[in-house]
Protein backbone atom coordinates (compact mmCIF):
# COMPACT_ATOMS: atom_id res chain seq x y z
CA MET A 1 155.16 82.50 -187.05
CA ALA A 2 158.11 80.46 -185.02
CA TYR A 3 159.49 77.64 -186.38
CA ALA A 4 160.58 75.79 -183.55
CA THR A 5 161.36 71.95 -182.08
CA THR A 6 159.53 72.14 -178.82
CA ASN A 7 159.18 68.45 -177.16
CA PRO A 8 155.88 67.69 -176.68
CA PHE A 9 155.89 65.30 -173.60
CA THR A 10 158.30 67.69 -171.58
CA GLY A 11 157.05 71.11 -173.32
CA LYS A 12 160.51 71.83 -173.30
CA LEU A 13 162.26 74.04 -176.14
CA ILE A 14 164.94 72.78 -178.01
CA LYS A 15 165.72 74.32 -181.15
CA GLU A 16 164.43 77.57 -182.99
CA PHE A 17 164.81 78.25 -186.29
CA PRO A 18 164.81 81.92 -188.74
CA ASN A 19 161.80 82.44 -191.27
CA ALA A 20 162.77 82.87 -194.78
CA THR A 21 164.03 85.84 -195.72
CA ASP A 22 162.11 87.77 -198.94
CA THR A 23 164.88 87.57 -201.00
CA GLU A 24 165.28 83.27 -199.86
CA VAL A 25 161.73 82.90 -200.81
CA THR A 26 162.46 84.86 -204.41
CA GLN A 27 165.80 82.67 -204.83
CA ALA A 28 163.74 79.59 -203.99
CA ILE A 29 160.68 80.42 -206.43
CA GLU A 30 163.32 80.91 -209.07
CA SER A 31 165.73 78.14 -208.28
CA ALA A 32 162.71 75.92 -208.37
CA HIS A 33 161.64 77.05 -211.81
CA GLN A 34 165.07 76.60 -213.14
CA ALA A 35 165.11 73.14 -212.11
CA PHE A 36 161.51 72.48 -213.76
CA LEU A 37 163.11 72.96 -216.91
CA SER A 38 165.36 70.29 -216.93
CA TRP A 39 163.09 68.24 -214.82
CA ARG A 40 160.13 68.16 -216.88
CA THR A 41 162.18 66.38 -219.58
CA THR A 42 164.19 64.12 -217.57
CA PRO A 43 163.40 60.59 -218.69
CA PHE A 44 161.01 58.79 -216.33
CA ALA A 45 163.39 55.80 -215.71
CA ASP A 46 166.43 58.42 -214.26
CA LYS A 47 163.05 59.79 -212.14
CA ALA A 48 162.18 56.55 -210.93
CA ALA A 49 165.60 55.62 -209.76
CA ILE A 50 165.56 58.91 -207.87
CA LEU A 51 162.54 58.09 -205.89
CA SER A 52 163.60 54.20 -205.36
CA LYS A 53 166.70 55.40 -203.96
CA ALA A 54 164.55 57.85 -201.97
CA ALA A 55 162.66 55.13 -200.64
CA LYS A 56 165.73 52.68 -199.55
CA ILE A 57 167.57 55.66 -197.38
CA LEU A 58 164.10 56.10 -195.16
CA ARG A 59 164.43 52.25 -194.50
CA ASP A 60 168.45 51.82 -194.37
CA ASN A 61 167.69 55.08 -191.74
CA LYS A 62 164.44 54.56 -189.87
CA SER A 63 165.56 55.18 -186.69
CA LYS A 64 166.90 57.95 -187.81
CA TYR A 65 163.74 59.31 -189.67
CA ALA A 66 161.35 57.68 -187.00
CA ASN A 67 163.34 59.50 -184.29
CA LEU A 68 162.78 63.24 -185.05
CA LEU A 69 158.69 62.43 -186.09
CA THR A 70 158.31 61.11 -182.48
CA LEU A 71 160.71 64.27 -181.12
CA GLU A 72 158.78 67.09 -182.92
CA MET A 73 155.44 65.49 -183.24
CA GLY A 74 154.82 63.39 -180.44
CA LYS A 75 153.70 59.69 -181.97
CA VAL A 76 155.06 56.60 -180.11
CA THR A 77 158.13 55.06 -181.82
CA ALA A 78 156.46 51.92 -183.24
CA GLU A 79 153.75 54.44 -185.24
CA ALA A 80 156.59 56.78 -185.97
CA GLU A 81 159.27 53.69 -187.72
CA ALA A 82 155.16 52.89 -189.97
CA GLU A 83 155.24 56.21 -191.16
CA VAL A 84 158.67 56.39 -192.39
CA GLU A 85 157.78 52.84 -194.07
CA LEU A 86 154.60 54.44 -195.34
CA SER A 87 156.49 57.18 -196.75
CA ALA A 88 159.15 54.68 -198.64
CA GLN A 89 156.32 52.43 -200.42
CA ILE A 90 154.87 55.93 -201.48
CA PHE A 91 158.08 56.27 -203.65
CA GLU A 92 158.32 52.71 -204.70
CA TYR A 93 154.70 52.98 -206.02
CA TYR A 94 155.31 55.95 -207.96
CA ALA A 95 158.60 54.49 -209.20
CA GLU A 96 157.01 51.78 -210.58
CA HIS A 97 153.51 52.80 -212.05
CA ALA A 98 153.66 56.45 -212.79
CA GLU A 99 154.95 56.02 -216.21
CA ARG A 100 151.63 53.68 -217.08
CA LEU A 101 149.60 56.16 -214.99
CA LEU A 102 150.93 59.64 -217.12
CA ALA A 103 150.97 57.89 -220.20
CA PRO A 104 148.78 58.81 -223.00
CA GLN A 105 145.37 57.60 -223.34
CA LYS A 106 142.87 57.59 -226.72
CA LEU A 107 139.60 58.64 -225.95
CA PRO A 108 136.12 57.34 -228.03
CA VAL A 109 135.18 59.76 -230.09
CA ALA A 110 131.26 59.84 -230.91
CA GLU A 111 130.02 59.54 -234.67
CA PRO A 112 129.58 61.60 -236.86
CA ALA A 113 132.95 63.18 -235.46
CA GLU A 114 135.93 62.30 -237.59
CA GLY A 115 139.56 61.91 -236.31
CA GLU A 116 141.07 61.17 -232.64
CA ALA A 117 141.30 62.45 -229.05
CA ILE A 118 143.97 61.87 -227.00
CA LEU A 119 144.18 62.61 -223.20
CA VAL A 120 148.02 63.59 -222.64
CA ASN A 121 149.78 64.83 -219.20
CA GLU A 122 151.61 67.42 -219.19
CA PRO A 123 153.29 68.94 -216.21
CA LEU A 124 152.61 72.60 -215.15
CA GLY A 125 156.26 73.70 -213.05
CA VAL A 126 156.40 74.78 -209.66
CA LEU A 127 153.73 73.77 -206.90
CA LEU A 128 153.22 75.20 -203.48
CA ALA A 129 152.40 72.38 -200.69
CA ILE A 130 151.35 73.79 -197.37
CA GLU A 131 151.17 70.66 -195.52
CA PRO A 132 150.38 69.73 -191.37
CA TRP A 133 152.17 68.31 -188.44
CA ASN A 134 150.58 65.11 -187.89
CA PHE A 135 152.22 63.11 -190.69
CA PRO A 136 154.78 65.16 -191.27
CA TYR A 137 156.99 62.82 -193.66
CA TYR A 138 153.93 61.24 -195.31
CA GLN A 139 151.97 64.37 -195.89
CA ILE A 140 155.25 65.39 -197.72
CA ALA A 141 155.41 61.67 -199.75
CA ARG A 142 152.10 61.72 -200.77
CA ILE A 143 152.24 64.90 -202.87
CA LEU A 144 156.24 65.26 -203.54
CA ALA A 145 156.23 61.51 -205.15
CA PRO A 146 154.08 62.28 -207.83
CA GLN A 147 154.61 65.29 -208.43
CA LEU A 148 158.22 64.61 -209.05
CA ALA A 149 156.93 61.68 -211.27
CA ALA A 150 155.22 63.76 -213.11
CA GLY A 151 157.93 66.48 -213.86
CA ASN A 152 156.75 69.50 -211.76
CA THR A 153 158.79 71.22 -208.91
CA LEU A 154 157.93 71.45 -205.32
CA LEU A 155 158.03 74.17 -202.96
CA LEU A 156 157.37 73.08 -199.18
CA LYS A 157 155.69 75.07 -196.14
CA HIS A 158 155.50 73.00 -193.43
CA ALA A 159 153.59 72.97 -190.08
CA SER A 160 155.70 75.47 -187.87
CA ASN A 161 156.48 72.34 -185.47
CA VAL A 162 158.13 70.37 -186.88
CA PRO A 163 160.86 71.74 -188.84
CA GLN A 164 163.22 69.22 -188.81
CA CYS A 165 161.38 66.69 -190.08
CA ALA A 166 160.89 69.07 -193.00
CA ALA A 167 165.00 70.00 -193.53
CA ALA A 168 165.69 65.86 -193.06
CA PHE A 169 163.27 65.55 -195.89
CA GLU A 170 164.81 67.77 -198.29
CA GLY A 171 168.03 66.42 -197.26
CA LEU A 172 166.79 62.88 -198.11
CA MET A 173 165.76 64.01 -201.75
CA ARG A 174 169.21 66.03 -202.18
CA ASP A 175 170.75 62.42 -201.22
CA ALA A 176 168.95 60.66 -203.07
CA GLY A 177 170.49 62.44 -206.11
CA LEU A 178 167.53 64.84 -207.18
CA PRO A 179 168.70 68.10 -208.57
CA SER A 180 169.54 71.06 -206.92
CA GLY A 181 165.75 73.31 -206.35
CA ALA A 182 163.51 70.77 -207.43
CA PHE A 183 162.27 70.10 -203.42
CA GLN A 184 162.82 72.92 -200.92
CA ASN A 185 162.11 73.47 -197.72
CA LEU A 186 160.85 76.87 -196.92
CA TYR A 187 160.64 78.33 -193.33
CA ALA A 188 157.88 80.90 -194.60
CA THR A 189 155.73 83.23 -193.25
CA ARG A 190 152.11 83.80 -193.27
CA GLU A 191 152.42 86.79 -195.56
CA GLN A 192 155.26 85.25 -198.11
CA ILE A 193 152.95 82.28 -199.03
CA GLU A 194 150.83 85.31 -201.08
CA GLN A 195 154.26 86.53 -202.38
CA ILE A 196 154.43 82.54 -203.82
CA ILE A 197 151.28 81.87 -205.11
CA ASN A 198 151.01 85.31 -206.49
CA SER A 199 154.64 84.19 -208.46
CA PRO A 200 154.11 83.88 -212.48
CA LYS A 201 156.55 81.06 -211.84
CA VAL A 202 154.10 79.08 -209.50
CA HIS A 203 151.74 77.13 -210.90
CA GLY A 204 149.70 75.89 -208.12
CA VAL A 205 148.86 74.88 -204.59
CA ALA A 206 148.20 72.14 -202.48
CA LEU A 207 146.91 72.77 -198.67
CA THR A 208 145.87 70.08 -195.92
CA GLY A 209 144.68 72.06 -193.02
CA SER A 210 141.99 73.65 -191.55
CA GLU A 211 139.07 75.15 -192.85
CA ASP A 212 140.16 78.55 -191.92
CA ALA A 213 143.36 78.17 -193.68
CA GLY A 214 142.07 76.69 -196.97
CA SER A 215 139.40 79.49 -197.02
CA ILE A 216 142.75 81.96 -197.42
CA ILE A 217 144.47 79.67 -199.70
CA ALA A 218 141.39 79.35 -202.07
CA ALA A 219 140.64 82.92 -201.99
CA LEU A 220 144.72 83.73 -202.93
CA ALA A 221 144.48 81.11 -205.75
CA GLY A 222 141.81 82.09 -207.33
CA LYS A 223 142.41 85.89 -207.24
CA ALA A 224 145.59 84.38 -208.87
CA LEU A 225 144.15 82.13 -211.04
CA LYS A 226 146.27 79.24 -210.00
CA LYS A 227 144.77 75.28 -209.83
CA SER A 228 144.51 74.55 -205.94
CA THR A 229 143.30 71.55 -204.00
CA LEU A 230 142.16 71.49 -200.48
CA GLU A 231 142.24 68.58 -197.73
CA LEU A 232 140.33 70.12 -194.87
CA GLY A 233 139.47 69.28 -191.44
CA GLY A 234 137.10 66.08 -190.51
CA ALA A 235 135.67 64.12 -187.69
CA ASP A 236 134.44 61.20 -187.90
CA ALA A 237 131.67 59.59 -185.73
CA PHE A 238 132.30 56.34 -183.86
CA ILE A 239 128.98 54.71 -183.74
CA VAL A 240 127.72 51.76 -181.19
CA LEU A 241 124.77 49.94 -181.76
CA GLU A 242 123.54 47.04 -179.93
CA ASP A 243 124.19 43.77 -181.19
CA ALA A 244 128.00 44.98 -181.32
CA ASP A 245 130.84 42.83 -180.36
CA LEU A 246 131.52 45.31 -177.39
CA PRO A 247 135.28 43.57 -176.57
CA LYS A 248 136.33 44.13 -180.24
CA THR A 249 134.51 47.69 -180.11
CA ILE A 250 136.03 49.13 -177.51
CA ASP A 251 139.55 48.17 -178.53
CA TRP A 252 138.85 49.52 -181.84
CA ALA A 253 137.37 52.64 -180.36
CA VAL A 254 140.25 53.10 -178.12
CA PHE A 255 142.48 53.17 -180.83
CA GLY A 256 140.13 55.05 -183.31
CA ARG A 257 140.31 58.01 -181.06
CA HIS A 258 144.11 57.89 -179.75
CA TRP A 259 146.27 56.45 -182.12
CA ASN A 260 148.91 58.83 -183.42
CA ALA A 261 148.72 61.19 -180.57
CA GLY A 262 145.06 61.34 -181.32
CA GLN A 263 145.87 63.52 -184.11
CA VAL A 264 144.27 61.85 -187.04
CA CYS A 265 141.62 63.70 -189.44
CA THR A 266 139.81 60.38 -189.84
CA SER A 267 139.92 59.70 -185.81
CA SER A 268 136.62 58.80 -183.82
CA LYS A 269 136.00 62.48 -182.53
CA ARG A 270 132.62 61.44 -181.17
CA MET A 271 131.27 58.48 -179.66
CA ILE A 272 127.44 57.73 -180.48
CA LEU A 273 125.74 54.82 -178.56
CA VAL A 274 122.61 53.26 -177.76
CA GLU A 275 121.52 53.72 -174.46
CA ALA A 276 121.46 49.97 -173.98
CA ILE A 277 125.25 49.36 -174.05
CA TYR A 278 126.48 52.97 -172.86
CA ASP A 279 127.41 52.10 -169.04
CA GLU A 280 129.47 48.80 -170.09
CA PHE A 281 131.43 50.74 -173.21
CA MET A 282 132.11 53.25 -171.20
CA LYS A 283 133.71 50.97 -168.76
CA GLY A 284 135.90 49.14 -170.92
CA TYR A 285 136.63 52.75 -172.58
CA ILE A 286 137.75 53.97 -169.57
CA LYS A 287 139.83 50.64 -168.85
CA GLY A 288 141.81 50.90 -172.36
CA ILE A 289 142.23 54.76 -172.09
CA GLU A 290 143.67 53.67 -168.85
CA ALA A 291 145.94 51.27 -169.98
CA LEU A 292 147.65 53.97 -172.43
CA LYS A 293 151.24 54.82 -172.13
CA ALA A 294 152.56 58.35 -172.60
C-alpha cells in the first residue's frame, strides 16, 4: 500500500511516504518493548502529567492539527477543530480518572469459601493499533490514552491516506514528554502486520475497520494466541414515521448522513420512510443537501 497525502477536494497528490522496512519494524517492536519495561512501573502521577500536557499542546495548536485533518481526510474546519478538542478531552479524562479505574477491586466471596478475591489490573506489554481514516486523531487518542495510563506501550498502523496525521500524533506525544518507544507510528505493510502480531513481544491488537480486515486480523491474532478487539463496519437506519416533526427530522437526516464528509460508521446510511410523508421529506432533504458546501 502507498502511504500518501492526497487532497480529497482536488485529488492532487501532495506527498508520498515510504513503507517501513522489515528492519525498522523489528527495531520498533524492540524499542516499544524496552519502553514498556520502564513505563509499566512509572508512577501514575507522571503518566497523568504527560497525558495532560498532550491535551494542552493540542488545544494550544488547534489550528495546526485541525488543518492536517482537513487536508488529508477532508472534514470541514469546524469539525476538524472539534476532533482536536475531543482528543484533548480524552487525554484529560484518563489523566483524571484512570488511576481510580485501575485500582484493585475486592470481589465478594460466596460462603463457605474462605479468604478473599481481588481483581488486579496489570499491563500486558506492547500492543498494536490498526486504525481508520475517518477520525484520524480520535481513533488514536481513544486507544492510546487508556493504554498508556494502564502501563502499556503502543505501535500504530494508521490508514494509508492520513500519514501526516499519524506522524503528527507521534510528534505530539514526544513533545508531551512520553519516553522514546512508548508510542510509535509505523508505515507498515500488510505483510508486516503479520510479523508484528507474531512477535512474542507484542501482546495484543486492536482494529477498527472493515469486516474483511477484521476477519484477517482475528485469524492472525487467534493463530498467535494474542488478545484482539475488533470494531467493524456499521450502517444505521434513519426511520421516519408519519407523526414525525418533519422540519426537525429533515435537518437531522441531512446532518446524520453528511457530517464528517459522510464518513461515520453510525451515519444514517439508509432512509426508511412511510409513504405518507415520502414526497415532503424528500423535497426538504434534497434542499438540505443542495445547501451543503464542499
